[in-house]
Amino acid sequence: MQDQSILWRRLDTQGLEAARVYGDDDGWYLDGSAIFVHDGSPCRLEYLIECDPDWRTRSATIDGWIGEEVVALEVMVSDEGVWYVDDEEVKAVEGCDDIDLNFSPITNLLPIRRLDLKAGDTKAVSAAWLRFPSMKFERLDQNYTRTDASTVKYESADGAFQRTLKINDDGLVLEYPGYWTAEAQIGT
């Protein structure tokens, strides 16, 4: 995967998100900023997610604001799969490979890249879901099914939530029905 940048437009509210994905010998980095409206208030959330070479989350920082509430989270994941937020263990998400930012389509890239599904393959994963707007972590069981080279079916909540995601050749989401659409991208 080469370095890429993407700009998404929110479909469920006013907003945009710009993200950059890049790598080096130590792993992969997802760096972005989402600016949008929530309950009539402006929000800005920036993130930097660091992954190992196999796309497993190692650490993340999320900061900004939701209305008048300031957000500043430091996330670390041990080699044993223990998750820490601001140095406090979060047992609910122990063993999860991926962080999932509820406010962003960027983190769908992690299981899509790691699982490397072929057409017709389905895999279940458990993600450390950073729920918006509470900004608290929960375990979220998910299924990814590769339909074809540019389509992945995403399911969570025991199938109650389903979306057919359009992706680029490297797995970045281009269309997330009802929530995001890519406006511009470079590097693919």
N, C-alpha and C. Protein backbone atom coordinates (compact mmCIF):
# COMPACT_ATOMS: atom_id res chain seq x y z
N MET A 1 0.85 -1.18 0.00
CA MET A 1 0.00 0.00 0.00
C MET A 1 0.89 1.24 0.00
N GLN A 2 0.62 2.14 -0.91
CA GLN A 2 1.37 3.39 -0.93
C GLN A 2 0.67 4.43 -0.05
N ASP A 3 1.37 5.51 0.27
CA ASP A 3 0.77 6.59 1.05
C ASP A 3 -0.46 7.12 0.33
N GLN A 4 -1.51 7.41 1.10
CA GLN A 4 -2.75 7.90 0.52
C GLN A 4 -3.35 9.00 1.39
N SER A 5 -4.08 9.87 0.75
CA SER A 5 -4.89 10.88 1.44
C SER A 5 -6.30 10.81 0.87
N ILE A 6 -7.28 11.13 1.74
CA ILE A 6 -8.68 11.06 1.33
C ILE A 6 -9.47 12.15 2.06
N LEU A 7 -10.50 12.63 1.40
CA LEU A 7 -11.43 13.58 2.01
C LEU A 7 -12.83 12.99 1.89
N TRP A 8 -13.50 12.85 3.06
CA TRP A 8 -14.88 12.37 3.08
C TRP A 8 -15.83 13.50 3.44
N ARG A 9 -17.03 13.42 2.89
CA ARG A 9 -18.13 14.31 3.28
C ARG A 9 -19.13 13.49 4.07
N ARG A 10 -19.58 14.06 5.19
CA ARG A 10 -20.60 13.40 6.00
C ARG A 10 -21.94 13.49 5.28
N LEU A 11 -22.74 12.45 5.37
CA LEU A 11 -24.07 12.42 4.76
C LEU A 11 -25.18 12.57 5.79
N ASP A 12 -24.90 12.23 7.05
CA ASP A 12 -25.92 12.27 8.09
C ASP A 12 -25.96 13.60 8.84
N THR A 13 -24.96 14.46 8.62
CA THR A 13 -24.89 15.79 9.21
C THR A 13 -23.91 16.60 8.38
N GLN A 14 -23.78 17.88 8.68
CA GLN A 14 -22.78 18.69 7.97
C GLN A 14 -21.40 18.33 8.50
N GLY A 15 -20.47 18.11 7.59
CA GLY A 15 -19.12 17.83 8.06
C GLY A 15 -18.23 17.22 7.00
N LEU A 16 -16.95 17.27 7.29
CA LEU A 16 -15.90 16.70 6.44
C LEU A 16 -14.87 16.00 7.31
N GLU A 17 -14.15 15.10 6.69
CA GLU A 17 -13.01 14.46 7.35
C GLU A 17 -11.91 14.28 6.33
N ALA A 18 -10.70 14.66 6.72
CA ALA A 18 -9.52 14.45 5.89
C ALA A 18 -8.61 13.49 6.63
N ALA A 19 -8.06 12.53 5.89
CA ALA A 19 -7.19 11.53 6.52
C ALA A 19 -6.03 11.19 5.60
N ARG A 20 -4.95 10.78 6.22
CA ARG A 20 -3.76 10.33 5.50
C ARG A 20 -3.35 8.99 6.08
N VAL A 21 -3.02 8.04 5.22
CA VAL A 21 -2.53 6.72 5.62
C VAL A 21 -1.14 6.57 5.04
N TYR A 22 -0.19 6.24 5.90
CA TYR A 22 1.19 6.07 5.44
C TYR A 22 1.88 5.01 6.29
N GLY A 23 2.97 4.48 5.78
CA GLY A 23 3.68 3.43 6.49
C GLY A 23 5.17 3.58 6.43
N ASP A 24 5.83 2.82 7.30
CA ASP A 24 7.28 2.70 7.29
C ASP A 24 7.63 1.29 7.76
N ASP A 25 8.88 1.02 8.04
CA ASP A 25 9.29 -0.32 8.44
C ASP A 25 8.66 -0.78 9.75
N ASP A 26 8.23 0.16 10.59
CA ASP A 26 7.65 -0.18 11.89
C ASP A 26 6.15 -0.44 11.83
N GLY A 27 5.47 0.01 10.77
CA GLY A 27 4.03 -0.22 10.71
C GLY A 27 3.30 0.82 9.89
N TRP A 28 2.04 1.05 10.28
CA TRP A 28 1.13 1.92 9.54
C TRP A 28 0.57 3.00 10.44
N TYR A 29 0.23 4.15 9.83
CA TYR A 29 -0.25 5.32 10.58
C TYR A 29 -1.48 5.88 9.87
N LEU A 30 -2.50 6.16 10.65
CA LEU A 30 -3.73 6.78 10.15
C LEU A 30 -3.86 8.11 10.87
N ASP A 31 -3.78 9.19 10.13
CA ASP A 31 -3.71 10.53 10.68
C ASP A 31 -4.83 11.35 10.07
N GLY A 32 -5.75 11.87 10.90
CA GLY A 32 -6.87 12.59 10.32
C GLY A 32 -7.55 13.56 11.24
N SER A 33 -8.49 14.28 10.64
CA SER A 33 -9.25 15.29 11.37
C SER A 33 -10.68 15.32 10.82
N ALA A 34 -11.64 15.21 11.74
CA ALA A 34 -13.05 15.28 11.38
C ALA A 34 -13.65 16.55 11.97
N ILE A 35 -14.33 17.30 11.13
CA ILE A 35 -15.00 18.53 11.56
C ILE A 35 -16.46 18.39 11.13
N PHE A 36 -17.38 18.45 12.10
CA PHE A 36 -18.78 18.20 11.79
C PHE A 36 -19.68 18.82 12.84
N VAL A 37 -20.98 18.74 12.59
CA VAL A 37 -21.99 19.27 13.51
C VAL A 37 -22.63 18.10 14.25
N HIS A 38 -22.76 18.24 15.58
CA HIS A 38 -23.47 17.25 16.39
C HIS A 38 -24.43 17.98 17.32
N ASP A 39 -25.70 17.66 17.23
CA ASP A 39 -26.73 18.32 18.05
C ASP A 39 -26.63 19.85 17.97
N GLY A 40 -26.36 20.37 16.78
CA GLY A 40 -26.30 21.81 16.57
C GLY A 40 -25.01 22.47 17.03
N SER A 41 -24.05 21.67 17.52
CA SER A 41 -22.79 22.22 18.00
C SER A 41 -21.63 21.79 17.11
N PRO A 42 -20.61 22.66 16.98
CA PRO A 42 -19.45 22.29 16.19
C PRO A 42 -18.58 21.27 16.94
N CYS A 43 -18.01 20.34 16.17
CA CYS A 43 -17.10 19.32 16.71
C CYS A 43 -15.85 19.28 15.85
N ARG A 44 -14.73 19.04 16.51
CA ARG A 44 -13.47 18.78 15.80
C ARG A 44 -12.77 17.67 16.55
N LEU A 45 -12.52 16.57 15.88
CA LEU A 45 -11.81 15.45 16.47
C LEU A 45 -10.65 15.06 15.57
N GLU A 46 -9.45 15.08 16.13
CA GLU A 46 -8.26 14.69 15.40
C GLU A 46 -7.76 13.37 15.97
N TYR A 47 -7.13 12.57 15.12
CA TYR A 47 -6.64 11.28 15.59
C TYR A 47 -5.32 10.94 14.90
N LEU A 48 -4.54 10.14 15.59
CA LEU A 48 -3.36 9.49 15.02
C LEU A 48 -3.38 8.07 15.57
N ILE A 49 -3.52 7.11 14.68
CA ILE A 49 -3.56 5.70 15.05
C ILE A 49 -2.29 5.05 14.52
N GLU A 50 -1.58 4.34 15.39
CA GLU A 50 -0.37 3.62 15.00
C GLU A 50 -0.67 2.13 15.04
N CYS A 51 -0.31 1.43 13.95
CA CYS A 51 -0.54 -0.01 13.83
C CYS A 51 0.78 -0.72 13.56
N ASP A 52 0.81 -2.01 13.91
CA ASP A 52 1.99 -2.80 13.57
C ASP A 52 1.95 -3.13 12.07
N PRO A 53 2.96 -3.79 11.54
CA PRO A 53 2.97 -4.09 10.10
C PRO A 53 1.79 -4.95 9.63
N ASP A 54 1.14 -5.68 10.57
CA ASP A 54 -0.02 -6.51 10.23
C ASP A 54 -1.35 -5.80 10.48
N TRP A 55 -1.32 -4.48 10.67
CA TRP A 55 -2.50 -3.64 10.82
C TRP A 55 -3.23 -3.83 12.15
N ARG A 56 -2.54 -4.30 13.21
CA ARG A 56 -3.13 -4.36 14.54
C ARG A 56 -2.82 -3.06 15.26
N THR A 57 -3.81 -2.51 15.94
CA THR A 57 -3.64 -1.23 16.64
C THR A 57 -2.62 -1.37 17.77
N ARG A 58 -1.67 -0.43 17.80
CA ARG A 58 -0.70 -0.35 18.91
C ARG A 58 -1.00 0.83 19.83
N SER A 59 -1.42 1.96 19.23
CA SER A 59 -1.70 3.14 20.04
C SER A 59 -2.56 4.11 19.23
N ALA A 60 -3.14 5.05 19.93
CA ALA A 60 -3.94 6.10 19.27
C ALA A 60 -4.03 7.30 20.19
N THR A 61 -4.09 8.46 19.57
CA THR A 61 -4.45 9.68 20.29
C THR A 61 -5.67 10.26 19.59
N ILE A 62 -6.61 10.70 20.39
CA ILE A 62 -7.81 11.35 19.88
C ILE A 62 -7.99 12.61 20.69
N ASP A 63 -8.04 13.76 20.02
CA ASP A 63 -8.24 15.00 20.77
C ASP A 63 -9.08 15.98 19.95
N GLY A 64 -9.62 16.96 20.66
CA GLY A 64 -10.46 17.98 20.04
C GLY A 64 -11.58 18.36 20.97
N TRP A 65 -12.76 18.55 20.39
CA TRP A 65 -13.91 18.90 21.20
C TRP A 65 -15.20 18.44 20.54
N ILE A 66 -16.21 18.24 21.40
CA ILE A 66 -17.58 17.94 20.98
C ILE A 66 -18.43 19.01 21.66
N GLY A 67 -18.83 20.02 20.90
CA GLY A 67 -19.52 21.15 21.52
C GLY A 67 -18.58 21.83 22.50
N GLU A 68 -18.97 21.88 23.76
CA GLU A 68 -18.14 22.50 24.79
C GLU A 68 -17.24 21.50 25.53
N GLU A 69 -17.39 20.20 25.22
CA GLU A 69 -16.62 19.17 25.92
C GLU A 69 -15.29 18.94 25.22
N VAL A 70 -14.21 19.05 25.96
CA VAL A 70 -12.87 18.80 25.43
C VAL A 70 -12.61 17.30 25.46
N VAL A 71 -12.00 16.80 24.38
CA VAL A 71 -11.64 15.38 24.26
C VAL A 71 -10.13 15.29 24.17
N ALA A 72 -9.54 14.45 25.03
CA ALA A 72 -8.09 14.20 24.99
C ALA A 72 -7.86 12.78 25.50
N LEU A 73 -7.67 11.84 24.58
CA LEU A 73 -7.50 10.43 24.94
C LEU A 73 -6.16 9.91 24.42
N GLU A 74 -5.44 9.19 25.27
CA GLU A 74 -4.22 8.49 24.89
C GLU A 74 -4.49 7.01 25.06
N VAL A 75 -4.42 6.27 23.97
CA VAL A 75 -4.73 4.84 23.96
C VAL A 75 -3.45 4.06 23.68
N MET A 76 -3.22 3.02 24.48
CA MET A 76 -2.08 2.12 24.26
C MET A 76 -2.60 0.69 24.31
N VAL A 77 -2.00 -0.18 23.49
CA VAL A 77 -2.36 -1.59 23.47
C VAL A 77 -1.09 -2.39 23.69
N SER A 78 -1.10 -3.27 24.70
CA SER A 78 0.08 -4.08 24.99
C SER A 78 0.20 -5.21 23.97
N ASP A 79 1.35 -5.85 23.91
CA ASP A 79 1.55 -6.99 23.02
C ASP A 79 0.61 -8.14 23.35
N GLU A 80 0.11 -8.16 24.59
CA GLU A 80 -0.82 -9.20 25.03
C GLU A 80 -2.27 -8.84 24.75
N GLY A 81 -2.53 -7.70 24.13
CA GLY A 81 -3.90 -7.29 23.79
C GLY A 81 -4.65 -6.60 24.90
N VAL A 82 -3.92 -6.04 25.88
CA VAL A 82 -4.55 -5.28 26.95
C VAL A 82 -4.59 -3.81 26.52
N TRP A 83 -5.79 -3.23 26.60
CA TRP A 83 -6.00 -1.85 26.17
C TRP A 83 -5.98 -0.91 27.38
N TYR A 84 -5.34 0.24 27.20
CA TYR A 84 -5.26 1.26 28.23
C TYR A 84 -5.70 2.59 27.64
N VAL A 85 -6.51 3.33 28.39
CA VAL A 85 -6.87 4.69 28.02
C VAL A 85 -6.39 5.59 29.16
N ASP A 86 -5.53 6.52 28.82
CA ASP A 86 -4.92 7.40 29.82
C ASP A 86 -4.38 6.60 30.99
N ASP A 87 -3.65 5.53 30.68
CA ASP A 87 -2.97 4.63 31.63
C ASP A 87 -3.91 3.78 32.48
N GLU A 88 -5.22 3.77 32.18
CA GLU A 88 -6.15 2.92 32.91
C GLU A 88 -6.60 1.78 32.01
N GLU A 89 -6.51 0.55 32.52
CA GLU A 89 -6.89 -0.63 31.77
C GLU A 89 -8.39 -0.62 31.46
N VAL A 90 -8.73 -1.00 30.22
CA VAL A 90 -10.13 -1.11 29.79
C VAL A 90 -10.40 -2.58 29.50
N LYS A 91 -10.88 -3.30 30.51
CA LYS A 91 -11.08 -4.75 30.40
C LYS A 91 -12.12 -5.12 29.34
N ALA A 92 -13.09 -4.26 29.10
CA ALA A 92 -14.17 -4.57 28.16
C ALA A 92 -13.67 -4.83 26.74
N VAL A 93 -12.51 -4.30 26.38
CA VAL A 93 -12.01 -4.46 25.01
C VAL A 93 -10.72 -5.28 24.95
N GLU A 94 -10.40 -5.98 26.03
CA GLU A 94 -9.20 -6.81 26.05
C GLU A 94 -9.23 -7.83 24.91
N GLY A 95 -8.11 -7.97 24.21
CA GLY A 95 -7.99 -8.93 23.13
C GLY A 95 -8.42 -8.43 21.77
N CYS A 96 -8.98 -7.24 21.68
CA CYS A 96 -9.37 -6.68 20.39
C CYS A 96 -8.12 -6.29 19.58
N ASP A 97 -8.17 -6.51 18.28
CA ASP A 97 -7.06 -6.15 17.41
C ASP A 97 -7.16 -4.72 16.90
N ASP A 98 -8.40 -4.22 16.76
CA ASP A 98 -8.64 -2.95 16.07
C ASP A 98 -9.30 -1.92 16.96
N ILE A 99 -8.91 -0.68 16.76
CA ILE A 99 -9.70 0.43 17.28
C ILE A 99 -10.74 0.75 16.21
N ASP A 100 -11.93 1.15 16.63
CA ASP A 100 -12.99 1.54 15.71
C ASP A 100 -13.52 2.89 16.18
N LEU A 101 -13.25 3.93 15.41
CA LEU A 101 -13.74 5.27 15.75
C LEU A 101 -15.14 5.42 15.20
N ASN A 102 -16.12 5.50 16.08
CA ASN A 102 -17.54 5.58 15.71
C ASN A 102 -17.85 6.80 14.83
N PHE A 103 -17.03 7.83 14.89
CA PHE A 103 -17.29 9.06 14.14
C PHE A 103 -16.59 9.09 12.79
N SER A 104 -15.91 7.99 12.40
CA SER A 104 -15.06 8.03 11.21
C SER A 104 -15.10 6.72 10.43
N PRO A 105 -14.95 6.78 9.08
CA PRO A 105 -14.83 5.56 8.29
C PRO A 105 -13.39 5.05 8.19
N ILE A 106 -12.42 5.75 8.73
CA ILE A 106 -11.01 5.38 8.55
C ILE A 106 -10.69 4.02 9.13
N THR A 107 -11.30 3.66 10.26
CA THR A 107 -10.88 2.44 10.94
C THR A 107 -11.44 1.16 10.32
N ASN A 108 -12.36 1.25 9.36
CA ASN A 108 -12.75 0.05 8.62
C ASN A 108 -11.56 -0.49 7.83
N LEU A 109 -10.61 0.38 7.52
CA LEU A 109 -9.42 -0.03 6.79
C LEU A 109 -8.64 -1.11 7.53
N LEU A 110 -8.59 -1.04 8.87
CA LEU A 110 -7.75 -1.95 9.64
C LEU A 110 -8.12 -3.42 9.44
N PRO A 111 -9.37 -3.84 9.71
CA PRO A 111 -9.68 -5.25 9.46
C PRO A 111 -9.68 -5.60 7.97
N ILE A 112 -10.08 -4.67 7.12
CA ILE A 112 -10.06 -4.96 5.68
C ILE A 112 -8.64 -5.31 5.23
N ARG A 113 -7.65 -4.55 5.67
CA ARG A 113 -6.26 -4.82 5.29
C ARG A 113 -5.74 -6.08 5.98
N ARG A 114 -5.99 -6.22 7.29
CA ARG A 114 -5.44 -7.34 8.04
C ARG A 114 -6.03 -8.67 7.58
N LEU A 115 -7.33 -8.71 7.33
CA LEU A 115 -8.00 -9.96 6.99
C LEU A 115 -7.70 -10.41 5.56
N ASP A 116 -7.45 -9.45 4.67
CA ASP A 116 -7.13 -9.74 3.27
C ASP A 116 -8.09 -10.77 2.67
N LEU A 117 -9.39 -10.49 2.81
CA LEU A 117 -10.43 -11.42 2.35
C LEU A 117 -10.47 -11.52 0.84
N LYS A 118 -10.75 -12.72 0.37
CA LYS A 118 -11.01 -12.96 -1.05
C LYS A 118 -12.51 -12.96 -1.27
N ALA A 119 -12.98 -12.77 -2.49
CA ALA A 119 -14.42 -12.74 -2.79
C ALA A 119 -15.11 -13.97 -2.21
N GLY A 120 -16.17 -13.73 -1.45
CA GLY A 120 -16.93 -14.80 -0.82
C GLY A 120 -16.52 -15.12 0.60
N ASP A 121 -15.33 -14.64 1.04
CA ASP A 121 -14.86 -14.90 2.40
C ASP A 121 -15.57 -14.00 3.41
N THR A 122 -15.85 -14.55 4.59
CA THR A 122 -16.40 -13.80 5.72
C THR A 122 -15.54 -14.07 6.94
N LYS A 123 -15.24 -13.03 7.70
CA LYS A 123 -14.50 -13.18 8.95
C LYS A 123 -15.15 -12.32 10.02
N ALA A 124 -15.13 -12.85 11.24
CA ALA A 124 -15.62 -12.12 12.41
C ALA A 124 -14.43 -11.52 13.15
N VAL A 125 -14.60 -10.30 13.64
CA VAL A 125 -13.59 -9.63 14.45
C VAL A 125 -14.29 -8.94 15.62
N SER A 126 -13.52 -8.65 16.64
CA SER A 126 -14.00 -7.84 17.76
C SER A 126 -13.16 -6.58 17.80
N ALA A 127 -13.83 -5.44 17.77
CA ALA A 127 -13.13 -4.15 17.76
C ALA A 127 -13.35 -3.42 19.07
N ALA A 128 -12.35 -2.61 19.42
CA ALA A 128 -12.47 -1.68 20.54
C ALA A 128 -13.14 -0.43 19.98
N TRP A 129 -14.45 -0.35 20.16
CA TRP A 129 -15.28 0.68 19.53
C TRP A 129 -15.33 1.91 20.43
N LEU A 130 -14.81 3.03 19.94
CA LEU A 130 -14.89 4.29 20.67
C LEU A 130 -16.20 4.95 20.28
N ARG A 131 -17.18 4.78 21.15
CA ARG A 131 -18.54 5.22 20.86
C ARG A 131 -18.64 6.75 20.92
N PHE A 132 -19.32 7.30 19.96
CA PHE A 132 -19.55 8.75 19.90
C PHE A 132 -21.00 9.02 20.29
N PRO A 133 -21.32 10.00 21.13
CA PRO A 133 -20.44 11.04 21.66
C PRO A 133 -19.87 10.76 23.05
N SER A 134 -20.15 9.60 23.65
CA SER A 134 -19.68 9.33 25.01
C SER A 134 -18.16 9.24 25.09
N MET A 135 -17.51 8.84 23.98
CA MET A 135 -16.06 8.65 23.91
C MET A 135 -15.59 7.61 24.93
N LYS A 136 -16.40 6.58 25.12
CA LYS A 136 -16.07 5.43 25.96
C LYS A 136 -15.92 4.21 25.08
N PHE A 137 -15.01 3.31 25.46
CA PHE A 137 -14.77 2.10 24.68
C PHE A 137 -15.76 0.99 25.04
N GLU A 138 -16.21 0.28 23.99
CA GLU A 138 -17.04 -0.91 24.13
C GLU A 138 -16.51 -1.94 23.14
N ARG A 139 -16.72 -3.22 23.45
CA ARG A 139 -16.41 -4.28 22.50
C ARG A 139 -17.53 -4.30 21.46
N LEU A 140 -17.16 -4.35 20.19
CA LEU A 140 -18.13 -4.42 19.11
C LEU A 140 -17.75 -5.58 18.19
N ASP A 141 -18.59 -6.63 18.21
CA ASP A 141 -18.37 -7.76 17.33
C ASP A 141 -18.83 -7.38 15.93
N GLN A 142 -18.00 -7.70 14.94
CA GLN A 142 -18.25 -7.29 13.57
C GLN A 142 -17.99 -8.46 12.62
N ASN A 143 -18.66 -8.43 11.48
CA ASN A 143 -18.39 -9.37 10.39
C ASN A 143 -18.07 -8.57 9.14
N TYR A 144 -17.04 -9.02 8.43
CA TYR A 144 -16.69 -8.45 7.14
C TYR A 144 -16.79 -9.56 6.10
N THR A 145 -17.53 -9.30 5.02
CA THR A 145 -17.66 -10.25 3.92
C THR A 145 -17.21 -9.56 2.64
N ARG A 146 -16.24 -10.15 1.96
CA ARG A 146 -15.76 -9.58 0.70
C ARG A 146 -16.68 -10.05 -0.41
N THR A 147 -17.36 -9.11 -1.06
CA THR A 147 -18.26 -9.43 -2.16
C THR A 147 -17.51 -9.51 -3.48
N ASP A 148 -16.69 -8.47 -3.74
CA ASP A 148 -15.84 -8.44 -4.93
C ASP A 148 -14.68 -7.50 -4.62
N ALA A 149 -13.87 -7.18 -5.63
CA ALA A 149 -12.66 -6.38 -5.41
C ALA A 149 -12.94 -5.01 -4.80
N SER A 150 -14.12 -4.45 -5.05
CA SER A 150 -14.40 -3.10 -4.57
C SER A 150 -15.58 -3.02 -3.58
N THR A 151 -16.00 -4.16 -3.05
CA THR A 151 -17.17 -4.16 -2.18
C THR A 151 -16.97 -5.09 -0.98
N VAL A 152 -17.30 -4.57 0.21
CA VAL A 152 -17.25 -5.34 1.45
C VAL A 152 -18.56 -5.12 2.18
N LYS A 153 -19.19 -6.20 2.63
CA LYS A 153 -20.39 -6.09 3.46
C LYS A 153 -19.93 -6.05 4.92
N TYR A 154 -20.37 -5.02 5.64
CA TYR A 154 -20.03 -4.84 7.04
C TYR A 154 -21.28 -5.08 7.88
N GLU A 155 -21.14 -5.86 8.97
CA GLU A 155 -22.24 -6.11 9.88
C GLU A 155 -21.77 -5.99 11.32
N SER A 156 -22.64 -5.45 12.18
CA SER A 156 -22.38 -5.43 13.62
C SER A 156 -23.73 -5.54 14.33
N ALA A 157 -23.68 -5.57 15.65
CA ALA A 157 -24.90 -5.71 16.47
C ALA A 157 -25.70 -6.94 16.04
N ASP A 158 -25.00 -8.08 15.92
CA ASP A 158 -25.63 -9.35 15.51
C ASP A 158 -26.41 -9.21 14.21
N GLY A 159 -25.91 -8.41 13.29
CA GLY A 159 -26.54 -8.24 11.99
C GLY A 159 -27.59 -7.16 11.93
N ALA A 160 -27.89 -6.52 13.08
CA ALA A 160 -28.90 -5.46 13.09
C ALA A 160 -28.42 -4.23 12.32
N PHE A 161 -27.11 -4.01 12.29
CA PHE A 161 -26.54 -2.91 11.52
C PHE A 161 -25.75 -3.52 10.36
N GLN A 162 -26.11 -3.14 9.14
CA GLN A 162 -25.44 -3.66 7.94
C GLN A 162 -25.24 -2.52 6.94
N ARG A 163 -24.08 -2.53 6.30
CA ARG A 163 -23.81 -1.59 5.23
C ARG A 163 -22.95 -2.29 4.19
N THR A 164 -23.17 -1.97 2.94
CA THR A 164 -22.32 -2.44 1.85
C THR A 164 -21.36 -1.31 1.53
N LEU A 165 -20.09 -1.52 1.84
CA LEU A 165 -19.07 -0.50 1.68
C LEU A 165 -18.38 -0.64 0.34
N LYS A 166 -18.26 0.46 -0.36
CA LYS A 166 -17.43 0.52 -1.56
C LYS A 166 -16.05 0.96 -1.12
N ILE A 167 -15.01 0.25 -1.58
CA ILE A 167 -13.65 0.54 -1.17
C ILE A 167 -12.74 0.70 -2.38
N ASN A 168 -11.59 1.35 -2.16
CA ASN A 168 -10.62 1.45 -3.24
C ASN A 168 -9.73 0.20 -3.23
N ASP A 169 -8.75 0.15 -4.11
CA ASP A 169 -7.90 -1.03 -4.25
C ASP A 169 -7.13 -1.36 -2.97
N ASP A 170 -6.90 -0.37 -2.12
CA ASP A 170 -6.14 -0.58 -0.88
C ASP A 170 -7.02 -0.74 0.35
N GLY A 171 -8.35 -0.69 0.18
CA GLY A 171 -9.25 -0.93 1.30
C GLY A 171 -9.83 0.29 1.98
N LEU A 172 -9.49 1.49 1.51
CA LEU A 172 -10.10 2.69 2.08
C LEU A 172 -11.55 2.80 1.63
N VAL A 173 -12.42 3.15 2.55
CA VAL A 173 -13.84 3.28 2.24
C VAL A 173 -14.07 4.50 1.35
N LEU A 174 -14.78 4.27 0.24
CA LEU A 174 -15.18 5.36 -0.66
C LEU A 174 -16.64 5.73 -0.45
N GLU A 175 -17.47 4.74 -0.17
CA GLU A 175 -18.90 4.96 0.05
C GLU A 175 -19.34 4.15 1.26
N TYR A 176 -19.88 4.83 2.26
CA TYR A 176 -20.45 4.20 3.45
C TYR A 176 -21.88 4.71 3.51
N PRO A 177 -22.83 3.95 2.92
CA PRO A 177 -24.20 4.44 2.72
C PRO A 177 -24.82 5.05 3.98
N GLY A 178 -25.34 6.26 3.79
CA GLY A 178 -26.00 6.97 4.87
C GLY A 178 -25.09 7.78 5.77
N TYR A 179 -23.75 7.59 5.63
CA TYR A 179 -22.84 8.26 6.57
C TYR A 179 -21.71 9.04 5.90
N TRP A 180 -21.00 8.44 4.93
CA TRP A 180 -19.84 9.11 4.35
C TRP A 180 -19.73 8.79 2.86
N THR A 181 -19.18 9.75 2.13
CA THR A 181 -18.80 9.53 0.74
C THR A 181 -17.47 10.24 0.48
N ALA A 182 -16.61 9.60 -0.28
CA ALA A 182 -15.31 10.20 -0.61
C ALA A 182 -15.52 11.32 -1.62
N GLU A 183 -14.91 12.45 -1.37
CA GLU A 183 -14.96 13.60 -2.25
C GLU A 183 -13.70 13.73 -3.09
N ALA A 184 -12.56 13.28 -2.53
CA ALA A 184 -11.28 13.37 -3.23
C ALA A 184 -10.32 12.38 -2.59
N GLN A 185 -9.40 11.87 -3.40
CA GLN A 185 -8.36 10.98 -2.88
C GLN A 185 -7.14 11.06 -3.78
N ILE A 186 -5.98 10.84 -3.18
CA ILE A 186 -4.75 10.75 -3.94
C ILE A 186 -3.95 9.57 -3.42
N GLY A 187 -3.15 8.99 -4.30
CA GLY A 187 -2.25 7.93 -3.89
C GLY A 187 -2.73 6.55 -4.24
N THR A 188 -3.83 6.41 -4.94
CA THR A 188 -4.27 5.06 -5.34
C THR A 188 -4.58 5.02 -6.81
